[in-house]
Amino acid sequence: MKAAFPDLHAHIEDIIAAEDRVAARLTLSGTHTGEYLGFPPTGRAVKYVSREFYRVADGLIAEEWICSDTASLFQQLS
């Protein structure tokens, strides 16, 4: 991801924690300057949303579930 979008920035829109779980809604943005999943560099600025869920144990992330809007990202790279 960092090779394809070296200026990648994740802006936290919302973050909520309860017990051992954390949920976050992020907006990711960057410039597509390297190959990504078969897409050659386009030089385009991209922006998409990701919803991420984590389970924390002993102060570390033990599990993660990430649901990114890759369809929107792929559309921007096409």
N, C-alpha and C. Protein backbone atom coordinates (compact mmCIF):
# COMPACT_ATOMS: atom_id res chain seq x y z
N MET A 1 0.83 -1.19 0.00
CA MET A 1 0.00 0.00 0.00
C MET A 1 0.88 1.25 0.00
N LYS A 2 1.90 1.28 0.87
CA LYS A 2 2.76 2.47 0.95
C LYS A 2 3.61 2.62 -0.32
N ALA A 3 3.93 1.52 -1.00
CA ALA A 3 4.69 1.63 -2.24
C ALA A 3 3.84 2.23 -3.35
N ALA A 4 2.55 1.92 -3.36
CA ALA A 4 1.64 2.43 -4.39
C ALA A 4 1.13 3.82 -4.08
N PHE A 5 0.99 4.12 -2.78
CA PHE A 5 0.47 5.42 -2.32
C PHE A 5 1.41 5.95 -1.23
N PRO A 6 2.59 6.44 -1.60
CA PRO A 6 3.58 6.83 -0.59
C PRO A 6 3.12 7.94 0.35
N ASP A 7 2.19 8.76 -0.08
CA ASP A 7 1.69 9.85 0.77
C ASP A 7 0.37 9.48 1.44
N LEU A 8 0.08 8.18 1.54
CA LEU A 8 -1.18 7.71 2.11
C LEU A 8 -1.41 8.32 3.50
N HIS A 9 -2.62 8.84 3.67
CA HIS A 9 -3.00 9.45 4.96
C HIS A 9 -4.33 8.86 5.38
N ALA A 10 -4.41 8.45 6.66
CA ALA A 10 -5.66 7.93 7.21
C ALA A 10 -6.20 8.94 8.21
N HIS A 11 -7.37 9.48 7.91
CA HIS A 11 -8.02 10.43 8.81
C HIS A 11 -9.11 9.68 9.59
N ILE A 12 -9.02 9.70 10.91
CA ILE A 12 -10.01 9.02 11.74
C ILE A 12 -11.25 9.90 11.82
N GLU A 13 -12.35 9.39 11.28
CA GLU A 13 -13.63 10.09 11.33
C GLU A 13 -14.33 9.82 12.66
N ASP A 14 -14.34 8.55 13.05
CA ASP A 14 -14.97 8.12 14.31
C ASP A 14 -14.15 6.99 14.89
N ILE A 15 -14.10 6.93 16.22
CA ILE A 15 -13.47 5.80 16.89
C ILE A 15 -14.24 5.55 18.19
N ILE A 16 -14.59 4.30 18.40
CA ILE A 16 -15.39 3.92 19.56
C ILE A 16 -14.77 2.67 20.17
N ALA A 17 -14.70 2.63 21.50
CA ALA A 17 -14.15 1.46 22.19
C ALA A 17 -15.11 1.01 23.28
N ALA A 18 -15.22 -0.31 23.44
CA ALA A 18 -16.01 -0.91 24.51
C ALA A 18 -15.38 -2.26 24.84
N GLU A 19 -15.13 -2.47 26.13
CA GLU A 19 -14.49 -3.70 26.59
C GLU A 19 -13.20 -3.94 25.81
N ASP A 20 -13.08 -5.05 25.11
CA ASP A 20 -11.84 -5.35 24.39
C ASP A 20 -11.95 -5.07 22.89
N ARG A 21 -12.97 -4.30 22.48
CA ARG A 21 -13.20 -4.04 21.05
C ARG A 21 -13.05 -2.55 20.74
N VAL A 22 -12.53 -2.27 19.54
CA VAL A 22 -12.40 -0.89 19.05
C VAL A 22 -12.93 -0.88 17.62
N ALA A 23 -13.75 0.13 17.31
CA ALA A 23 -14.27 0.30 15.95
C ALA A 23 -13.83 1.68 15.46
N ALA A 24 -13.41 1.74 14.21
CA ALA A 24 -12.97 3.01 13.64
C ALA A 24 -13.52 3.17 12.23
N ARG A 25 -13.88 4.41 11.89
CA ARG A 25 -14.26 4.75 10.52
C ARG A 25 -13.21 5.73 10.03
N LEU A 26 -12.54 5.36 8.96
CA LEU A 26 -11.41 6.15 8.44
C LEU A 26 -11.70 6.61 7.02
N THR A 27 -11.12 7.75 6.67
CA THR A 27 -11.06 8.17 5.28
C THR A 27 -9.59 8.13 4.90
N LEU A 28 -9.26 7.34 3.89
CA LEU A 28 -7.89 7.22 3.42
C LEU A 28 -7.74 8.01 2.13
N SER A 29 -6.63 8.70 1.99
CA SER A 29 -6.38 9.47 0.77
C SER A 29 -4.89 9.43 0.45
N GLY A 30 -4.59 9.53 -0.82
CA GLY A 30 -3.20 9.53 -1.26
C GLY A 30 -3.12 9.65 -2.77
N THR A 31 -1.89 9.63 -3.26
CA THR A 31 -1.62 9.75 -4.69
C THR A 31 -1.09 8.41 -5.20
N HIS A 32 -1.68 7.92 -6.26
CA HIS A 32 -1.33 6.61 -6.82
C HIS A 32 -0.10 6.75 -7.71
N THR A 33 1.08 6.49 -7.13
CA THR A 33 2.32 6.65 -7.88
C THR A 33 3.08 5.35 -8.11
N GLY A 34 2.54 4.23 -7.62
CA GLY A 34 3.17 2.93 -7.82
C GLY A 34 2.13 1.88 -8.16
N GLU A 35 2.58 0.74 -8.67
CA GLU A 35 1.67 -0.34 -9.05
C GLU A 35 0.91 -0.83 -7.82
N TYR A 36 -0.40 -1.08 -8.00
CA TYR A 36 -1.23 -1.57 -6.91
C TYR A 36 -2.20 -2.61 -7.43
N LEU A 37 -2.05 -3.85 -7.00
CA LEU A 37 -2.93 -4.95 -7.37
C LEU A 37 -3.19 -5.01 -8.88
N GLY A 38 -2.14 -4.83 -9.66
CA GLY A 38 -2.25 -4.90 -11.11
C GLY A 38 -2.57 -3.57 -11.78
N PHE A 39 -2.89 -2.55 -11.01
CA PHE A 39 -3.15 -1.23 -11.58
C PHE A 39 -1.84 -0.47 -11.70
N PRO A 40 -1.43 -0.10 -12.92
CA PRO A 40 -0.20 0.68 -13.07
C PRO A 40 -0.41 2.08 -12.47
N PRO A 41 0.66 2.77 -12.10
CA PRO A 41 0.54 4.11 -11.52
C PRO A 41 -0.25 5.06 -12.43
N THR A 42 -1.15 5.82 -11.83
CA THR A 42 -1.96 6.77 -12.59
C THR A 42 -1.63 8.22 -12.26
N GLY A 43 -0.99 8.45 -11.12
CA GLY A 43 -0.74 9.82 -10.67
C GLY A 43 -1.97 10.48 -10.09
N ARG A 44 -3.08 9.74 -10.01
CA ARG A 44 -4.34 10.32 -9.51
C ARG A 44 -4.38 10.38 -7.98
N ALA A 45 -5.05 11.40 -7.48
CA ALA A 45 -5.37 11.46 -6.06
C ALA A 45 -6.60 10.60 -5.84
N VAL A 46 -6.56 9.78 -4.79
CA VAL A 46 -7.69 8.89 -4.49
C VAL A 46 -8.15 9.13 -3.05
N LYS A 47 -9.40 8.76 -2.80
CA LYS A 47 -9.97 8.87 -1.46
C LYS A 47 -11.04 7.79 -1.34
N TYR A 48 -10.99 7.06 -0.22
CA TYR A 48 -12.00 6.04 0.03
C TYR A 48 -12.16 5.83 1.53
N VAL A 49 -13.23 5.13 1.91
CA VAL A 49 -13.59 4.93 3.32
C VAL A 49 -13.28 3.50 3.74
N SER A 50 -12.86 3.35 4.98
CA SER A 50 -12.63 2.03 5.55
C SER A 50 -13.28 1.97 6.93
N ARG A 51 -13.89 0.84 7.21
CA ARG A 51 -14.44 0.59 8.55
C ARG A 51 -13.64 -0.55 9.13
N GLU A 52 -13.06 -0.33 10.31
CA GLU A 52 -12.14 -1.29 10.87
C GLU A 52 -12.51 -1.63 12.30
N PHE A 53 -12.38 -2.90 12.63
CA PHE A 53 -12.74 -3.39 13.95
C PHE A 53 -11.57 -4.20 14.50
N TYR A 54 -11.28 -3.99 15.77
CA TYR A 54 -10.14 -4.64 16.40
C TYR A 54 -10.53 -5.25 17.74
N ARG A 55 -9.88 -6.37 18.07
CA ARG A 55 -9.95 -6.92 19.42
C ARG A 55 -8.58 -6.75 20.04
N VAL A 56 -8.55 -6.17 21.23
CA VAL A 56 -7.30 -5.88 21.91
C VAL A 56 -7.12 -6.84 23.08
N ALA A 57 -5.92 -7.39 23.22
CA ALA A 57 -5.59 -8.27 24.34
C ALA A 57 -4.19 -7.91 24.84
N ASP A 58 -4.07 -7.70 26.11
CA ASP A 58 -2.78 -7.35 26.72
C ASP A 58 -2.15 -6.13 26.05
N GLY A 59 -2.97 -5.16 25.67
CA GLY A 59 -2.48 -3.92 25.09
C GLY A 59 -2.07 -4.01 23.63
N LEU A 60 -2.29 -5.15 22.99
CA LEU A 60 -1.93 -5.34 21.59
C LEU A 60 -3.16 -5.74 20.78
N ILE A 61 -3.12 -5.44 19.48
CA ILE A 61 -4.20 -5.87 18.60
C ILE A 61 -4.07 -7.38 18.40
N ALA A 62 -5.08 -8.12 18.84
CA ALA A 62 -5.08 -9.58 18.73
C ALA A 62 -5.77 -10.05 17.45
N GLU A 63 -6.81 -9.30 17.03
CA GLU A 63 -7.54 -9.63 15.81
C GLU A 63 -7.98 -8.33 15.16
N GLU A 64 -8.15 -8.39 13.83
CA GLU A 64 -8.67 -7.22 13.11
C GLU A 64 -9.59 -7.68 12.00
N TRP A 65 -10.59 -6.86 11.74
CA TRP A 65 -11.52 -7.08 10.63
C TRP A 65 -11.63 -5.74 9.91
N ILE A 66 -11.27 -5.72 8.63
CA ILE A 66 -11.24 -4.48 7.87
C ILE A 66 -12.20 -4.58 6.70
N CYS A 67 -13.05 -3.59 6.58
CA CYS A 67 -14.04 -3.54 5.50
C CYS A 67 -13.85 -2.22 4.75
N SER A 68 -12.96 -2.22 3.77
CA SER A 68 -12.67 -1.02 2.99
C SER A 68 -13.52 -0.97 1.73
N ASP A 69 -13.82 0.23 1.29
CA ASP A 69 -14.58 0.43 0.07
C ASP A 69 -13.64 0.31 -1.13
N THR A 70 -13.16 -0.93 -1.37
CA THR A 70 -12.21 -1.14 -2.46
C THR A 70 -12.85 -0.94 -3.83
N ALA A 71 -14.16 -1.13 -3.93
CA ALA A 71 -14.83 -0.89 -5.21
C ALA A 71 -14.66 0.57 -5.61
N SER A 72 -14.81 1.47 -4.66
CA SER A 72 -14.62 2.90 -4.93
C SER A 72 -13.15 3.19 -5.31
N LEU A 73 -12.24 2.57 -4.58
CA LEU A 73 -10.81 2.75 -4.89
C LEU A 73 -10.50 2.26 -6.30
N PHE A 74 -10.96 1.04 -6.64
CA PHE A 74 -10.68 0.50 -7.96
C PHE A 74 -11.28 1.37 -9.06
N GLN A 75 -12.46 1.92 -8.82
CA GLN A 75 -13.09 2.81 -9.80
C GLN A 75 -12.22 4.04 -10.04
N GLN A 76 -11.61 4.55 -8.99
CA GLN A 76 -10.75 5.74 -9.13
C GLN A 76 -9.45 5.41 -9.87
N LEU A 77 -9.03 4.15 -9.82
CA LEU A 77 -7.79 3.75 -10.49
C LEU A 77 -8.01 3.32 -11.93
N SER A 78 -9.28 3.14 -12.33
CA SER A 78 -9.58 2.67 -13.70
C SER A 78 -9.64 3.82 -14.67
